[in-house]
Protein backbone atom coordinates (compact mmCIF):
# COMPACT_ATOMS: atom_id res chain seq x y z
CA MET A 1 -12.68 27.73 20.54
CA THR A 2 -14.88 24.97 21.91
CA TRP A 3 -13.03 22.05 23.47
CA THR A 4 -14.53 18.57 23.56
CA THR A 5 -14.19 16.89 26.94
CA PRO A 6 -13.91 13.08 27.13
CA ASP A 7 -17.51 12.69 28.28
CA GLN A 8 -18.67 14.70 25.23
CA MET A 9 -16.69 12.68 22.68
CA THR A 10 -18.32 10.45 20.12
CA LEU A 11 -17.27 6.81 20.24
CA ASP A 12 -14.98 7.38 17.25
CA GLU A 13 -13.28 10.30 19.01
CA LEU A 14 -13.06 8.30 22.21
CA ARG A 15 -11.34 5.41 20.40
CA VAL A 16 -8.68 7.83 19.17
CA ALA A 17 -8.16 9.32 22.64
CA LEU A 18 -8.01 5.95 24.35
CA GLY A 19 -5.71 4.57 21.65
CA ARG A 20 -3.07 7.11 22.65
CA VAL A 21 -3.03 6.24 26.35
CA LEU A 22 -3.72 2.50 26.23
CA PRO A 23 -0.07 1.42 25.65
CA GLY A 24 0.96 2.96 28.97
CA HIS A 25 -1.40 0.59 30.73
CA ALA A 26 -0.99 -2.40 28.42
CA VAL A 27 2.67 -2.45 29.50
CA PHE A 28 1.50 -3.76 32.87
CA ASP A 29 -1.88 -5.37 32.21
CA GLY A 30 -1.67 -6.42 28.56
CA TRP A 31 -4.36 -5.48 26.06
CA THR A 32 -7.11 -6.36 28.49
CA ALA A 33 -10.24 -4.95 30.06
CA THR A 34 -8.10 -3.99 33.06
CA ALA A 35 -5.84 -1.84 30.89
CA LEU A 36 -8.86 -0.31 29.17
CA ALA A 37 -10.43 0.58 32.53
CA ALA A 38 -7.19 2.23 33.65
CA ALA A 39 -6.97 4.19 30.40
CA ALA A 40 -10.59 5.29 30.81
CA ASP A 41 -9.85 6.41 34.36
CA GLU A 42 -6.87 8.43 33.09
CA LEU A 43 -9.16 10.28 30.68
CA GLY A 44 -12.01 10.58 33.14
CA VAL A 45 -14.33 8.36 31.10
CA PRO A 46 -16.75 5.84 32.63
CA PRO A 47 -15.41 2.28 32.12
CA ASP A 48 -18.65 1.08 30.54
CA ARG A 49 -18.44 3.83 27.89
CA ALA A 50 -14.83 2.87 27.16
CA ARG A 51 -15.93 -0.72 26.64
CA LEU A 52 -18.52 0.48 24.13
CA ALA A 53 -15.69 2.03 22.11
CA PHE A 54 -13.98 -1.36 21.78
CA PRO A 55 -16.65 -4.06 21.62
CA GLY A 56 -14.19 -6.33 19.78
CA GLY A 57 -11.70 -6.32 22.62
CA ALA A 58 -7.91 -6.45 22.32
CA GLY A 59 -7.73 -6.35 18.52
CA GLU A 60 -9.68 -3.12 18.33
CA MET A 61 -7.61 -1.55 21.11
CA ILE A 62 -4.39 -2.42 19.27
CA ASP A 63 -5.84 -1.11 16.01
CA ALA A 64 -6.64 2.25 17.66
CA TRP A 65 -3.16 2.48 19.14
CA ILE A 66 -1.46 1.72 15.80
CA LEU A 67 -3.61 4.36 14.10
CA SER A 68 -2.50 6.99 16.63
CA ALA A 69 1.14 5.88 16.31
CA ASP A 70 0.95 6.26 12.52
CA ALA A 71 -0.44 9.77 12.94
CA ASP A 72 2.27 10.77 15.44
CA MET A 73 5.00 9.42 13.17
CA THR A 74 3.59 11.28 10.16
CA ALA A 75 3.38 14.57 12.05
CA SER A 76 6.97 14.23 13.26
CA ILE A 77 8.42 13.51 9.79
CA GLU A 78 6.36 16.10 7.93
CA ALA A 79 7.65 18.76 10.33
CA ARG A 80 11.31 18.05 9.44
CA ARG A 81 11.47 16.26 6.10
CA ASP A 82 12.56 19.28 4.03
CA GLY A 83 16.07 18.71 2.74
CA MET A 84 15.94 14.96 3.35
CA LYS A 85 16.37 12.49 0.53
CA VAL A 86 13.63 9.91 0.08
CA ARG A 87 15.72 7.14 1.60
CA GLU A 88 16.39 9.35 4.64
CA ARG A 89 12.69 10.06 5.03
CA ILE A 90 11.85 6.36 4.92
CA ARG A 91 14.60 5.51 7.37
CA GLU A 92 13.62 8.31 9.74
CA SER A 93 9.94 7.37 9.56
CA ILE A 94 10.64 3.82 10.70
CA TRP A 95 13.14 4.91 13.32
CA THR A 96 10.80 7.58 14.67
CA ARG A 97 8.05 4.97 14.93
CA LEU A 98 10.31 2.81 17.10
CA GLU A 99 11.54 5.73 19.21
CA GLN A 100 7.98 6.79 19.98
CA ALA A 101 7.10 3.22 20.99
CA ALA A 102 10.21 2.71 23.14
CA PRO A 103 8.55 3.65 26.48
CA HIS A 104 5.95 0.95 25.82
CA ARG A 105 8.07 -1.83 24.35
CA GLU A 106 6.40 -4.53 26.43
CA ALA A 107 2.98 -3.36 25.23
CA VAL A 108 4.27 -3.59 21.64
CA ARG A 109 5.57 -7.10 22.31
CA ARG A 110 2.18 -8.18 23.62
CA ALA A 111 0.41 -6.54 20.69
CA VAL A 112 2.64 -8.37 18.20
CA ALA A 113 1.85 -11.67 19.93
CA ILE A 114 -1.89 -11.00 19.66
CA LEU A 115 -1.66 -9.96 16.00
CA ALA A 116 0.30 -13.15 15.27
CA MET A 117 -2.72 -15.28 16.23
CA PRO A 118 -4.41 -16.89 13.19
CA GLN A 119 -7.76 -15.25 13.94
CA ASN A 120 -6.07 -11.83 13.73
CA ALA A 121 -4.28 -12.38 10.41
CA LEU A 122 -6.48 -9.93 8.50
CA LEU A 123 -6.14 -7.28 11.19
CA ALA A 124 -2.36 -7.73 11.22
CA ALA A 125 -2.17 -7.38 7.43
CA ARG A 126 -4.43 -4.32 7.40
CA THR A 127 -2.56 -2.46 10.13
CA LEU A 128 0.84 -3.26 8.59
CA TRP A 129 -0.30 -1.99 5.20
CA ARG A 130 -1.68 1.16 6.79
CA THR A 131 1.62 1.80 8.57
CA ALA A 132 3.58 1.20 5.36
CA ASP A 133 1.29 3.65 3.56
CA ALA A 134 1.85 6.22 6.32
CA ILE A 135 5.63 5.77 5.98
CA TRP A 136 5.55 6.53 2.26
CA ARG A 137 3.08 9.39 2.58
CA ALA A 138 5.25 10.94 5.28
CA ALA A 139 8.12 10.67 2.79
CA GLY A 140 6.05 12.70 0.32
CA ASP A 141 5.19 9.86 -2.05
CA GLY A 142 2.12 10.40 -4.19
CA ALA A 143 2.50 7.53 -6.65
CA ALA A 144 -0.78 6.21 -8.02
CA ASP A 145 0.56 3.56 -10.40
CA PHE A 146 1.62 -0.01 -9.65
CA SER A 147 4.67 1.26 -7.76
CA HIS A 148 2.25 2.53 -5.10
CA TYR A 149 1.67 -1.08 -4.10
CA THR A 150 5.22 -2.36 -4.49
CA LYS A 151 6.59 0.50 -2.38
CA ARG A 152 4.18 -0.22 0.45
CA ALA A 153 4.83 -3.94 0.32
CA THR A 154 8.56 -3.25 0.58
CA ALA A 155 8.19 -0.71 3.39
CA GLY A 156 5.95 -3.11 5.28
CA ALA A 157 8.54 -5.88 5.00
CA VAL A 158 11.34 -3.59 6.19
CA TYR A 159 9.29 -2.20 9.08
CA SER A 160 8.03 -5.57 10.33
CA ALA A 161 11.51 -7.16 10.16
CA THR A 162 13.07 -4.18 11.94
CA LEU A 163 10.35 -4.24 14.60
CA LEU A 164 11.12 -7.86 15.45
CA VAL A 165 14.83 -7.06 15.78
CA TRP A 166 14.02 -4.04 17.96
CA LEU A 167 11.83 -6.06 20.32
CA ASN A 168 14.80 -8.27 21.20
CA ASP A 169 17.55 -5.65 21.01
CA GLU A 170 19.44 -5.03 24.24
CA SER A 171 22.26 -2.98 22.69
CA GLU A 172 22.99 0.58 23.79
CA GLY A 173 20.56 2.97 22.14
CA PHE A 174 19.23 0.10 20.01
CA ALA A 175 22.42 0.27 17.95
CA ASP A 176 21.92 -3.23 16.56
CA THR A 177 18.44 -2.30 15.33
CA ALA A 178 19.76 0.89 13.72
CA ALA A 179 22.44 -1.09 11.87
CA PHE A 180 19.89 -3.67 10.73
CA LEU A 181 17.54 -0.95 9.48
CA ASP A 182 20.33 0.78 7.57
CA ARG A 183 21.23 -2.49 5.83
CA ARG A 184 17.63 -3.15 4.87
CA ILE A 185 17.17 0.38 3.53
CA GLU A 186 20.37 0.00 1.49
CA ASN A 187 19.08 -3.27 0.03
CA VAL A 188 15.79 -1.62 -0.90
CA MET A 189 17.53 1.31 -2.57
CA ARG A 190 19.68 -1.06 -4.63
CA PHE A 191 16.55 -2.92 -5.71
CA GLU A 192 14.82 0.34 -6.68
CA LYS A 193 17.83 1.43 -8.73
CA ALA A 194 17.95 -1.94 -10.49
CA LYS A 195 14.22 -1.68 -11.20
CA GLN A 196 14.66 1.78 -12.72
CA ARG A 197 17.50 0.55 -14.93
CA TRP A 198 15.33 -2.34 -16.10
CA ARG A 199 12.50 0.06 -16.93
CA ARG A 200 14.80 2.31 -18.97
CA THR A 201 16.14 -0.72 -20.83
CA ALA A 202 12.62 -2.01 -21.47
CA GLU A 203 11.57 1.36 -22.88
CA ARG A 204 14.46 1.26 -25.36
CA ARG A 205 13.89 -2.37 -26.28
CA PRO A 206 12.15 -2.90 -29.67
CA SER A 207 8.45 -3.59 -29.28
CA PRO A 208 6.99 -6.43 -31.40
CA ALA A 209 3.59 -4.79 -31.19
CA ARG A 210 4.90 -1.50 -32.58
CA PHE A 211 6.79 -3.35 -35.33
CA LEU A 212 3.69 -5.29 -36.41
CA GLY A 213 1.68 -2.10 -36.32
CA ARG A 214 4.07 -0.45 -38.72
CA LEU A 215 3.81 -3.40 -41.08
CA ARG A 216 0.05 -3.10 -41.05
CA TYR A 217 -0.09 0.68 -41.20
CA PRO A 218 3.14 1.83 -42.93
CA ALA A 219 3.97 5.46 -42.65
CA ALA A 220 3.12 7.56 -45.69
């Protein structure tokens, strides 16, 4: 097997590699050129080449980190999701995401502050949607209808709200965050059940269109 060393990586490959180690340096230096240089040094990459991988600065560095975090979360859940109910998979996906980020909570806090800036609104929306999509795909969801979008919107809302609670949680083992997440998941499951009941009722409800069609084209 041929292994690619950091100096042989394409810029796309280098962005992925740097995205994984950047949070460890952003904890101390923020999402800055200083953190990027330290991450490059950790990988044995020239600083100027690392800068080429992120010409857009902090936003691109955060984007690369979130992409790697999504991938790590997905790999973790897919390896142990057998036997879990869907709600358990969703809950575990979000919780795993937070557990993996725990060593770098200050880097996450700084990333959230940057994404909250008006000029980064599109980036924030795109990365949140991508994470929500990863959560549902890790849960085994393959929906292609309108529910594909509603599920991701809901997961994004739950994840972002839970993330904000987690960033300020000083309880033992993030117990307050866990309780908040459980309540939000329960609310979502109730909503999904209500939506399914409404759909079943709608399917049984008489359709004016079908009635008019029968008047126009009566059965033989």
